[in-house]
Amino acid sequence: MKSSSELLKAGLYLSYMNYHATGEGVTSCISVAGSARRAEQMIRERLPDYFHVGIVTGPISEGTSEDIVRMIEWVPANARSTLVSIPGGTGEYYSEFHYNLS
C-alpha cells in the first residue's frame, strides 16, 4: 500500500505496549506521533504505571526493527494515509486492542 511506504519517510515515531495475561488474553496499545517523546507520552497517559515498563518506542523509518514494522500493520490504512498527507509532526494516532484468547 502506498501510505505504508510513505509512512516510512514521514519522520514519525511509534510506541507500543503488548501485555499478555494468562487467562485474560492480550492487550496491545499503539501510538504514532511526530516525536518519540510524544508517542510514548500518549500511551503513558492512558495506562496504569505497571504497564509502562513494557513500552517500546522507535522511529518509523527504513531499517526500523521488525517489531515496529509489525506494529505499523495494526495502524489502519486510512490513518496511515492521513498521517502522511498532513504537515510533518502534526498528526497523532492512538488505539488499544484487547483479544480474549480463551
PDB file of N, CA and C in Angstrom:
ATOM      1  N   MET A   1       0.837  -1.182   0.000  1.00  0.00           N
ATOM      2  CA  MET A   1       0.000   0.000   0.000  1.00  0.00           C
ATOM      3  C   MET A   1       0.883   1.248   0.000  1.00  0.00           C
ATOM      4  N   LYS A   2       0.498   2.220  -0.765  1.00  0.00           N
ATOM      5  CA  LYS A   2       1.279   3.434  -0.923  1.00  0.00           C
ATOM      6  C   LYS A   2       1.521   4.136   0.415  1.00  0.00           C
ATOM      7  N   SER A   3       0.496   4.277   1.262  1.00  0.00           N
ATOM      8  CA  SER A   3       0.670   5.010   2.516  1.00  0.00           C
ATOM      9  C   SER A   3       1.632   4.304   3.458  1.00  0.00           C
ATOM     10  N   SER A   4       1.770   2.969   3.362  1.00  0.00           N
ATOM     11  CA  SER A   4       2.727   2.249   4.208  1.00  0.00           C
ATOM     12  C   SER A   4       4.151   2.646   3.859  1.00  0.00           C
ATOM     13  N   SER A   5       4.490   2.687   2.574  1.00  0.00           N
ATOM     14  CA  SER A   5       5.850   3.063   2.190  1.00  0.00           C
ATOM     15  C   SER A   5       6.092   4.545   2.443  1.00  0.00           C
ATOM     16  N   GLU A   6       5.106   5.379   2.248  1.00  0.00           N
ATOM     17  CA  GLU A   6       5.262   6.812   2.516  1.00  0.00           C
ATOM     18  C   GLU A   6       5.407   7.074   4.011  1.00  0.00           C
ATOM     19  N   LEU A   7       4.763   6.254   4.831  1.00  0.00           N
ATOM     20  CA  LEU A   7       4.857   6.411   6.278  1.00  0.00           C
ATOM     21  C   LEU A   7       6.306   6.252   6.751  1.00  0.00           C
ATOM     22  N   LEU A   8       7.070   5.414   6.066  1.00  0.00           N
ATOM     23  CA  LEU A   8       8.473   5.203   6.424  1.00  0.00           C
ATOM     24  C   LEU A   8       9.316   6.453   6.196  1.00  0.00           C
ATOM     25  N   LYS A   9       8.833   7.366   5.389  1.00  0.00           N
ATOM     26  CA  LYS A   9       9.586   8.586   5.070  1.00  0.00           C
ATOM     27  C   LYS A   9       9.005   9.834   5.742  1.00  0.00           C
ATOM     28  N   ALA A  10       7.966   9.654   6.568  1.00  0.00           N
ATOM     29  CA  ALA A  10       7.259  10.798   7.134  1.00  0.00           C
ATOM     30  C   ALA A  10       7.892  11.350   8.403  1.00  0.00           C
ATOM     31  N   GLY A  11       8.921  10.701   8.928  1.00  0.00           N
ATOM     32  CA  GLY A  11       9.594  11.210  10.122  1.00  0.00           C
ATOM     33  C   GLY A  11       8.779  11.034  11.400  1.00  0.00           C
ATOM     34  N   LEU A  12       7.985   9.974  11.467  1.00  0.00           N
ATOM     35  CA  LEU A  12       7.133   9.731  12.626  1.00  0.00           C
ATOM     36  C   LEU A  12       7.738   8.667  13.539  1.00  0.00           C
ATOM     37  N   TYR A  13       7.183   8.561  14.735  1.00  0.00           N
ATOM     38  CA  TYR A  13       7.629   7.590  15.730  1.00  0.00           C
ATOM     39  C   TYR A  13       6.432   6.771  16.189  1.00  0.00           C
ATOM     40  N   LEU A  14       6.711   5.532  16.549  1.00  0.00           N
ATOM     41  CA  LEU A  14       5.674   4.629  17.017  1.00  0.00           C
ATOM     42  C   LEU A  14       6.060   4.110  18.399  1.00  0.00           C
ATOM     43  N   SER A  15       5.085   4.087  19.293  1.00  0.00           N
ATOM     44  CA  SER A  15       5.247   3.443  20.598  1.00  0.00           C
ATOM     45  C   SER A  15       4.198   2.364  20.698  1.00  0.00           C
ATOM     46  N   TYR A  16       4.560   1.272  21.361  1.00  0.00           N
ATOM     47  CA  TYR A  16       3.568   0.221  21.578  1.00  0.00           C
ATOM     48  C   TYR A  16       3.843  -0.494  22.888  1.00  0.00           C
ATOM     49  N   MET A  17       2.819  -1.160  23.375  1.00  0.00           N
ATOM     50  CA  MET A  17       2.919  -1.969  24.564  1.00  0.00           C
ATOM     51  C   MET A  17       2.022  -3.177  24.342  1.00  0.00           C
ATOM     52  N   ASN A  18       2.589  -4.371  24.480  1.00  0.00           N
ATOM     53  CA  ASN A  18       1.822  -5.612  24.388  1.00  0.00           C
ATOM     54  C   ASN A  18       1.866  -6.280  25.747  1.00  0.00           C
ATOM     55  N   TYR A  19       0.698  -6.598  26.276  1.00  0.00           N
ATOM     56  CA  TYR A  19       0.598  -7.235  27.588  1.00  0.00           C
ATOM     57  C   TYR A  19      -0.157  -8.541  27.438  1.00  0.00           C
ATOM     58  N   HIS A  20       0.490  -9.629  27.804  1.00  0.00           N
ATOM     59  CA  HIS A  20      -0.100 -10.964  27.721  1.00  0.00           C
ATOM     60  C   HIS A  20      -0.414 -11.425  29.135  1.00  0.00           C
ATOM     61  N   ALA A  21      -1.687 -11.715  29.411  1.00  0.00           N
ATOM     62  CA  ALA A  21      -2.091 -12.180  30.728  1.00  0.00           C
ATOM     63  C   ALA A  21      -2.740 -13.550  30.601  1.00  0.00           C
ATOM     64  N   THR A  22      -2.195 -14.518  31.317  1.00  0.00           N
ATOM     65  CA  THR A  22      -2.738 -15.872  31.277  1.00  0.00           C
ATOM     66  C   THR A  22      -4.211 -15.848  31.676  1.00  0.00           C
ATOM     67  N   GLY A  23      -5.040 -16.394  30.818  1.00  0.00           N
ATOM     68  CA  GLY A  23      -6.471 -16.451  31.087  1.00  0.00           C
ATOM     69  C   GLY A  23      -7.234 -15.176  30.789  1.00  0.00           C
ATOM     70  N   GLU A  24      -6.515 -14.094  30.469  1.00  0.00           N
ATOM     71  CA  GLU A  24      -7.180 -12.818  30.205  1.00  0.00           C
ATOM     72  C   GLU A  24      -7.005 -12.349  28.765  1.00  0.00           C
ATOM     73  N   GLY A  25      -6.058 -12.902  28.048  1.00  0.00           N
ATOM     74  CA  GLY A  25      -5.849 -12.508  26.663  1.00  0.00           C
ATOM     75  C   GLY A  25      -4.671 -11.589  26.486  1.00  0.00           C
ATOM     76  N   VAL A  26      -4.727 -10.798  25.424  1.00  0.00           N
ATOM     77  CA  VAL A  26      -3.637  -9.890  25.056  1.00  0.00           C
ATOM     78  C   VAL A  26      -4.201  -8.488  24.896  1.00  0.00           C
ATOM     79  N   THR A  27      -3.497  -7.525  25.444  1.00  0.00           N
ATOM     80  CA  THR A  27      -3.844  -6.118  25.256  1.00  0.00           C
ATOM     81  C   THR A  27      -2.671  -5.451  24.539  1.00  0.00           C
ATOM     82  N   SER A  28      -2.956  -4.749  23.456  1.00  0.00           N
ATOM     83  CA  SER A  28      -1.951  -4.002  22.706  1.00  0.00           C
ATOM     84  C   SER A  28      -2.375  -2.552  22.604  1.00  0.00           C
ATOM     85  N   CYS A  29      -1.431  -1.658  22.814  1.00  0.00           N
ATOM     86  CA  CYS A  29      -1.659  -0.227  22.655  1.00  0.00           C
ATOM     87  C   CYS A  29      -0.628   0.290  21.664  1.00  0.00           C
ATOM     88  N   ILE A  30      -1.074   1.151  20.761  1.00  0.00           N
ATOM     89  CA  ILE A  30      -0.197   1.689  19.720  1.00  0.00           C
ATOM     90  C   ILE A  30      -0.419   3.194  19.622  1.00  0.00           C
ATOM     91  N   SER A  31       0.665   3.941  19.512  1.00  0.00           N
ATOM     92  CA  SER A  31       0.541   5.372  19.246  1.00  0.00           C
ATOM     93  C   SER A  31       1.576   5.773  18.201  1.00  0.00           C
ATOM     94  N   VAL A  32       1.206   6.755  17.411  1.00  0.00           N
ATOM     95  CA  VAL A  32       2.094   7.309  16.392  1.00  0.00           C
ATOM     96  C   VAL A  32       2.064   8.825  16.564  1.00  0.00           C
ATOM     97  N   ALA A  33       3.248   9.440  16.561  1.00  0.00           N
ATOM     98  CA  ALA A  33       3.329  10.894  16.722  1.00  0.00           C
ATOM     99  C   ALA A  33       4.592  11.419  16.046  1.00  0.00           C
ATOM    100  N   GLY A  34       4.741  12.726  16.036  1.00  0.00           N
ATOM    101  CA  GLY A  34       5.867  13.376  15.379  1.00  0.00           C
ATOM    102  C   GLY A  34       7.169  13.302  16.150  1.00  0.00           C
ATOM    103  N   SER A  35       7.111  12.877  17.420  1.00  0.00           N
ATOM    104  CA  SER A  35       8.336  12.715  18.207  1.00  0.00           C
ATOM    105  C   SER A  35       8.218  11.453  19.054  1.00  0.00           C
ATOM    106  N   ALA A  36       9.364  10.889  19.390  1.00  0.00           N
ATOM    107  CA  ALA A  36       9.378   9.697  20.234  1.00  0.00           C
ATOM    108  C   ALA A  36       8.771  10.018  21.595  1.00  0.00           C
ATOM    109  N   ARG A  37       9.086  11.188  22.112  1.00  0.00           N
ATOM    110  CA  ARG A  37       8.561  11.588  23.421  1.00  0.00           C
ATOM    111  C   ARG A  37       7.036  11.641  23.423  1.00  0.00           C
ATOM    112  N   ARG A  38       6.461  12.240  22.397  1.00  0.00           N
ATOM    113  CA  ARG A  38       5.001  12.361  22.347  1.00  0.00           C
ATOM    114  C   ARG A  38       4.337  11.002  22.126  1.00  0.00           C
ATOM    115  N   ALA A  39       4.899  10.167  21.277  1.00  0.00           N
ATOM    116  CA  ALA A  39       4.318   8.843  21.034  1.00  0.00           C
ATOM    117  C   ALA A  39       4.273   8.045  22.328  1.00  0.00           C
ATOM    118  N   GLU A  40       5.350   8.081  23.095  1.00  0.00           N
ATOM    119  CA  GLU A  40       5.382   7.354  24.363  1.00  0.00           C
ATOM    120  C   GLU A  40       4.466   7.993  25.398  1.00  0.00           C
ATOM    121  N   GLN A  41       4.425   9.302  25.426  1.00  0.00           N
ATOM    122  CA  GLN A  41       3.576  10.025  26.377  1.00  0.00           C
ATOM    123  C   GLN A  41       2.102   9.669  26.185  1.00  0.00           C
ATOM    124  N   MET A  42       1.676   9.502  24.941  1.00  0.00           N
ATOM    125  CA  MET A  42       0.279   9.178  24.666  1.00  0.00           C
ATOM    126  C   MET A  42      -0.116   7.857  25.315  1.00  0.00           C
ATOM    127  N   ILE A  43       0.782   6.888  25.309  1.00  0.00           N
ATOM    128  CA  ILE A  43       0.491   5.606  25.952  1.00  0.00           C
ATOM    129  C   ILE A  43       0.557   5.748  27.470  1.00  0.00           C
ATOM    130  N   ARG A  44       1.583   6.415  27.975  1.00  0.00           N
ATOM    131  CA  ARG A  44       1.747   6.571  29.427  1.00  0.00           C
ATOM    132  C   ARG A  44       0.547   7.266  30.062  1.00  0.00           C
ATOM    133  N   GLU A  45      -0.043   8.222  29.364  1.00  0.00           N
ATOM    134  CA  GLU A  45      -1.194   8.956  29.901  1.00  0.00           C
ATOM    135  C   GLU A  45      -2.430   8.067  30.046  1.00  0.00           C
ATOM    136  N   ARG A  46      -2.511   7.011  29.271  1.00  0.00           N
ATOM    137  CA  ARG A  46      -3.715   6.189  29.233  1.00  0.00           C
ATOM    138  C   ARG A  46      -3.613   4.881  30.014  1.00  0.00           C
ATOM    139  N   LEU A  47      -2.400   4.486  30.354  1.00  0.00           N
ATOM    140  CA  LEU A  47      -2.210   3.190  31.000  1.00  0.00           C
ATOM    141  C   LEU A  47      -1.693   3.327  32.426  1.00  0.00           C
ATOM    142  N   PRO A  48      -2.071   2.371  33.291  1.00  0.00           N
ATOM    143  CA  PRO A  48      -1.515   2.363  34.651  1.00  0.00           C
ATOM    144  C   PRO A  48       0.007   2.204  34.619  1.00  0.00           C
ATOM    145  N   ASP A  49       0.658   2.676  35.658  1.00  0.00           N
ATOM    146  CA  ASP A  49       2.120   2.658  35.737  1.00  0.00           C
ATOM    147  C   ASP A  49       2.728   1.288  35.512  1.00  0.00           C
ATOM    148  N   TYR A  50       2.078   0.217  35.973  1.00  0.00           N
ATOM    149  CA  TYR A  50       2.692  -1.108  35.863  1.00  0.00           C
ATOM    150  C   TYR A  50       2.829  -1.577  34.421  1.00  0.00           C
ATOM    151  N   PHE A  51       2.158  -0.941  33.464  1.00  0.00           N
ATOM    152  CA  PHE A  51       2.335  -1.274  32.052  1.00  0.00           C
ATOM    153  C   PHE A  51       3.509  -0.521  31.417  1.00  0.00           C
ATOM    154  N   HIS A  52       3.966   0.554  32.054  1.00  0.00           N
ATOM    155  CA  HIS A  52       4.976   1.430  31.454  1.00  0.00           C
ATOM    156  C   HIS A  52       6.282   0.718  31.141  1.00  0.00           C
ATOM    157  N   VAL A  53       6.647  -0.269  31.932  1.00  0.00           N
ATOM    158  CA  VAL A  53       7.901  -0.983  31.710  1.00  0.00           C
ATOM    159  C   VAL A  53       7.908  -1.713  30.358  1.00  0.00           C
ATOM    160  N   GLY A  54       6.730  -2.021  29.820  1.00  0.00           N
ATOM    161  CA  GLY A  54       6.646  -2.745  28.561  1.00  0.00           C
ATOM    162  C   GLY A  54       6.541  -1.881  27.313  1.00  0.00           C
ATOM    163  N   ILE A  55       6.635  -0.573  27.461  1.00  0.00           N
ATOM    164  CA  ILE A  55       6.510   0.328  26.316  1.00  0.00           C
ATOM    165  C   ILE A  55       7.796   0.307  25.484  1.00  0.00           C
ATOM    166  N   VAL A  56       7.617   0.156  24.176  1.00  0.00           N
ATOM    167  CA  VAL A  56       8.734   0.185  23.226  1.00  0.00           C
ATOM    168  C   VAL A  56       8.479   1.347  22.269  1.00  0.00           C
ATOM    169  N   THR A  57       9.498   2.149  22.014  1.00  0.00           N
ATOM    170  CA  THR A  57       9.362   3.312  21.146  1.00  0.00           C
ATOM    171  C   THR A  57      10.489   3.323  20.133  1.00  0.00           C
ATOM    172  N   GLY A  58      10.164   3.685  18.903  1.00  0.00           N
ATOM    173  CA  GLY A  58      11.192   3.776  17.877  1.00  0.00           C
ATOM    174  C   GLY A  58      10.709   4.538  16.670  1.00  0.00           C
ATOM    175  N   PRO A  59      11.642   4.897  15.795  1.00  0.00           N
ATOM    176  CA  PRO A  59      11.276   5.632  14.585  1.00  0.00           C
ATOM    177  C   PRO A  59      10.590   4.719  13.572  1.00  0.00           C
ATOM    178  N   ILE A  60       9.699   5.298  12.820  1.00  0.00           N
ATOM    179  CA  ILE A  60       9.108   4.603  11.669  1.00  0.00           C
ATOM    180  C   ILE A  60       9.949   5.040  10.483  1.00  0.00           C
ATOM    181  N   SER A  61      10.886   4.185  10.099  1.00  0.00           N
ATOM    182  CA  SER A  61      11.804   4.562   9.027  1.00  0.00           C
ATOM    183  C   SER A  61      12.360   3.310   8.371  1.00  0.00           C
ATOM    184  N   GLU A  62      13.048   3.520   7.265  1.00  0.00           N
ATOM    185  CA  GLU A  62      13.724   2.407   6.600  1.00  0.00           C
ATOM    186  C   GLU A  62      14.693   1.778   7.597  1.00  0.00           C
ATOM    187  N   GLY A  63      14.717   0.482   7.667  1.00  0.00           N
ATOM    188  CA  GLY A  63      15.636  -0.210   8.549  1.00  0.00           C
ATOM    189  C   GLY A  63      15.204  -0.279  10.001  1.00  0.00           C
ATOM    190  N   THR A  64      13.976   0.105  10.299  1.00  0.00           N
ATOM    191  CA  THR A  64      13.487   0.034  11.672  1.00  0.00           C
ATOM    192  C   THR A  64      13.351  -1.426  12.103  1.00  0.00           C
ATOM    193  N   SER A  65      13.175  -1.660  13.372  1.00  0.00           N
ATOM    194  CA  SER A  65      13.100  -3.028  13.894  1.00  0.00           C
ATOM    195  C   SER A  65      11.887  -3.775  13.337  1.00  0.00           C
ATOM    196  N   GLU A  66      12.024  -5.084  13.268  1.00  0.00           N
ATOM    197  CA  GLU A  66      10.922  -5.919  12.770  1.00  0.00           C
ATOM    198  C   GLU A  66       9.680  -5.765  13.632  1.00  0.00           C
ATOM    199  N   ASP A  67       9.856  -5.601  14.940  1.00  0.00           N
ATOM    200  CA  ASP A  67       8.705  -5.440  15.835  1.00  0.00           C
ATOM    201  C   ASP A  67       7.923  -4.170  15.509  1.00  0.00           C
ATOM    202  N   ILE A  68       8.629  -3.081  15.244  1.00  0.00           N
ATOM    203  CA  ILE A  68       7.938  -1.835  14.896  1.00  0.00           C
ATOM    204  C   ILE A  68       7.245  -1.980  13.551  1.00  0.00           C
ATOM    205  N   VAL A  69       7.891  -2.606  12.597  1.00  0.00           N
ATOM    206  CA  VAL A  69       7.263  -2.832  11.288  1.00  0.00           C
ATOM    207  C   VAL A  69       5.975  -3.640  11.463  1.00  0.00           C
ATOM    208  N   ARG A  70       6.025  -4.655  12.308  1.00  0.00           N
ATOM    209  CA  ARG A  70       4.844  -5.485  12.552  1.00  0.00           C
ATOM    210  C   ARG A  70       3.716  -4.664  13.197  1.00  0.00           C
ATOM    211  N   MET A  71       4.061  -3.798  14.119  1.00  0.00           N
ATOM    212  CA  MET A  71       3.046  -2.985  14.795  1.00  0.00           C
ATOM    213  C   MET A  71       2.460  -1.919  13.867  1.00  0.00           C
ATOM    214  N   ILE A  72       3.242  -1.439  12.900  1.00  0.00           N
ATOM    215  CA  ILE A  72       2.720  -0.469  11.922  1.00  0.00           C
ATOM    216  C   ILE A  72       1.515  -1.057  11.193  1.00  0.00           C
ATOM    217  N   GLU A  73       1.545  -2.354  10.955  1.00  0.00           N
ATOM    218  CA  GLU A  73       0.438  -3.006  10.243  1.00  0.00           C
ATOM    219  C   GLU A  73      -0.878  -2.929  11.010  1.00  0.00           C
ATOM    220  N   TRP A  74      -0.829  -2.678  12.320  1.00  0.00           N
ATOM    221  CA  TRP A  74      -2.051  -2.538  13.119  1.00  0.00           C
ATOM    222  C   TRP A  74      -2.660  -1.134  13.015  1.00  0.00           C
ATOM    223  N   VAL A  75      -1.916  -0.203  12.440  1.00  0.00           N
ATOM    224  CA  VAL A  75      -2.454   1.146  12.218  1.00  0.00           C
ATOM    225  C   VAL A  75      -3.304   1.081  10.945  1.00  0.00           C
ATOM    226  N   PRO A  76      -4.595   1.412  11.040  1.00  0.00           N
ATOM    227  CA  PRO A  76      -5.470   1.305   9.866  1.00  0.00           C
ATOM    228  C   PRO A  76      -4.952   2.109   8.666  1.00  0.00           C
ATOM    229  N   ALA A  77      -5.224   1.600   7.489  1.00  0.00           N
ATOM    230  CA  ALA A  77      -4.750   2.229   6.256  1.00  0.00           C
ATOM    231  C   ALA A  77      -5.191   3.688   6.148  1.00  0.00           C
ATOM    232  N   ASN A  78      -6.430   3.989   6.534  1.00  0.00           N
ATOM    233  CA  ASN A  78      -6.885   5.384   6.418  1.00  0.00           C
ATOM    234  C   ASN A  78      -6.136   6.297   7.387  1.00  0.00           C
ATOM    235  N   ALA A  79      -5.741   5.789   8.556  1.00  0.00           N
ATOM    236  CA  ALA A  79      -4.949   6.597   9.490  1.00  0.00           C
ATOM    237  C   ALA A  79      -3.535   6.813   8.941  1.00  0.00           C
ATOM    238  N   ARG A  80      -2.930   5.758   8.366  1.00  0.00           N
ATOM    239  CA  ARG A  80      -1.604   5.909   7.755  1.00  0.00           C
ATOM    240  C   ARG A  80      -1.648   6.935   6.637  1.00  0.00           C
ATOM    241  N   SER A  81      -2.682   6.851   5.810  1.00  0.00           N
ATOM    242  CA  SER A  81      -2.826   7.772   4.689  1.00  0.00           C
ATOM    243  C   SER A  81      -2.954   9.218   5.183  1.00  0.00           C
ATOM    244  N   THR A  82      -3.737   9.419   6.223  1.00  0.00           N
ATOM    245  CA  THR A  82      -3.908  10.766   6.784  1.00  0.00           C
ATOM    246  C   THR A  82      -2.599  11.282   7.366  1.00  0.00           C
ATOM    247  N   LEU A  83      -1.887  10.444   8.109  1.00  0.00           N
ATOM    248  CA  LEU A  83      -0.630  10.867   8.733  1.00  0.00           C
ATOM    249  C   LEU A  83       0.414  11.309   7.716  1.00  0.00           C
ATOM    250  N   VAL A  84       0.424  10.709   6.536  1.00  0.00           N
ATOM    251  CA  VAL A  84       1.423  11.104   5.528  1.00  0.00           C
ATOM    252  C   VAL A  84       0.942  12.272   4.667  1.00  0.00           C
ATOM    253  N   SER A  85      -0.343  12.596   4.722  1.00  0.00           N
ATOM    254  CA  SER A  85      -0.859  13.668   3.863  1.00  0.00           C
ATOM    255  C   SER A  85      -0.923  15.022   4.562  1.00  0.00           C
ATOM    256  N   ILE A  86      -0.671  15.067   5.868  1.00  0.00           N
ATOM    257  CA  ILE A  86      -0.711  16.334   6.603  1.00  0.00           C
ATOM    258  C   ILE A  86       0.719  16.780   6.913  1.00  0.00           C
ATOM    259  N   PRO A  87       0.916  18.040   7.285  1.00  0.00           N
ATOM    260  CA  PRO A  87       2.272  18.516   7.580  1.00  0.00           C
ATOM    261  C   PRO A  87       2.960  17.650   8.634  1.00  0.00           C
ATOM    262  N   GLY A  88       4.236  17.382   8.443  1.00  0.00           N
ATOM    263  CA  GLY A  88       5.008  16.523   9.325  1.00  0.00           C
ATOM    264  C   GLY A  88       4.902  16.894  10.792  1.00  0.00           C
ATOM    265  N   GLY A  89       4.689  15.897  11.621  1.00  0.00           N
ATOM    266  CA  GLY A  89       4.639  16.099  13.061  1.00  0.00           C
ATOM    267  C   GLY A  89       3.348  16.657  13.605  1.00  0.00           C
ATOM    268  N   THR A  90       2.353  16.888  12.754  1.00  0.00           N
ATOM    269  CA  THR A  90       1.109  17.500  13.236  1.00  0.00           C
ATOM    270  C   THR A  90       0.028  16.486  13.571  1.00  0.00           C
ATOM    271  N   GLY A  91       0.170  15.268  13.123  1.00  0.00           N
ATOM    272  CA  GLY A  91      -0.868  14.277  13.372  1.00  0.00           C
ATOM    273  C   GLY A  91      -0.456  13.268  14.417  1.00  0.00           C
ATOM    274  N   GLU A  92      -1.463  12.681  15.062  1.00  0.00           N
ATOM    275  CA  GLU A  92      -1.233  11.648  16.054  1.00  0.00           C
ATOM    276  C   GLU A  92      -2.281  10.552  15.894  1.00  0.00           C
ATOM    277  N   TYR A  93      -1.905   9.361  16.316  1.00  0.00           N
ATOM    278  CA  TYR A  93      -2.834   8.225  16.265  1.00  0.00           C
ATOM    279  C   TYR A  93      -2.636   7.403  17.526  1.00  0.00           C
ATOM    280  N   TYR A  94      -3.728   6.920  18.108  1.00  0.00           N
ATOM    281  CA  TYR A  94      -3.670   6.051  19.277  1.00  0.00           C
ATOM    282  C   TYR A  94      -4.791   5.025  19.191  1.00  0.00           C
ATOM    283  N   SER A  95      -4.478   3.798  19.580  1.00  0.00           N
ATOM    284  CA  SER A  95      -5.522   2.777  19.664  1.00  0.00           C
ATOM    285  C   SER A  95      -5.130   1.711  20.672  1.00  0.00           C
ATOM    286  N   GLU A  96      -6.145   1.030  21.183  1.00  0.00           N
ATOM    287  CA  GLU A  96      -5.967  -0.101  22.079  1.00  0.00           C
ATOM    288  C   GLU A  96      -6.760  -1.260  21.527  1.00  0.00           C
ATOM    289  N   PHE A  97      -6.188  -2.446  21.620  1.00  0.00           N
ATOM    290  CA  PHE A  97      -6.856  -3.664  21.187  1.00  0.00           C
ATOM    291  C   PHE A  97      -6.796  -4.657  22.340  1.00  0.00           C
ATOM    292  N   HIS A  98      -7.861  -5.385  22.540  1.00  0.00           N
ATOM    293  CA  HIS A  98      -7.845  -6.459  23.524  1.00  0.00           C
ATOM    294  C   HIS A  98      -8.417  -7.705  22.878  1.00  0.00           C
ATOM    295  N   TYR A  99      -7.673  -8.772  22.953  1.00  0.00           N
ATOM    296  CA  TYR A  99      -8.101 -10.048  22.399  1.00  0.00           C
ATOM    297  C   TYR A  99      -8.197 -11.060  23.525  1.00  0.00           C
ATOM    298  N   ASN A 100      -9.371 -11.628  23.692  1.00  0.00           N
ATOM    299  CA  ASN A 100      -9.563 -12.675  24.678  1.00  0.00           C
ATOM    300  C   ASN A 100      -9.265 -13.996  23.991  1.00  0.00           C
ATOM    301  N   LEU A 101      -8.229 -14.662  24.435  1.00  0.00           N
ATOM    302  CA  LEU A 101      -7.769 -15.868  23.779  1.00  0.00           C
ATOM    303  C   LEU A 101      -8.373 -17.149  24.363  1.00  0.00           C
ATOM    304  N   SER A 102      -9.289 -17.000  25.314  1.00  0.00           N
ATOM    305  CA  SER A 102      -9.865 -18.205  25.914  1.00  0.00           C
ATOM    306  C   SER A 102     -10.980 -18.792  25.068  1.00  0.00           C
TER     307      SER A 102
END
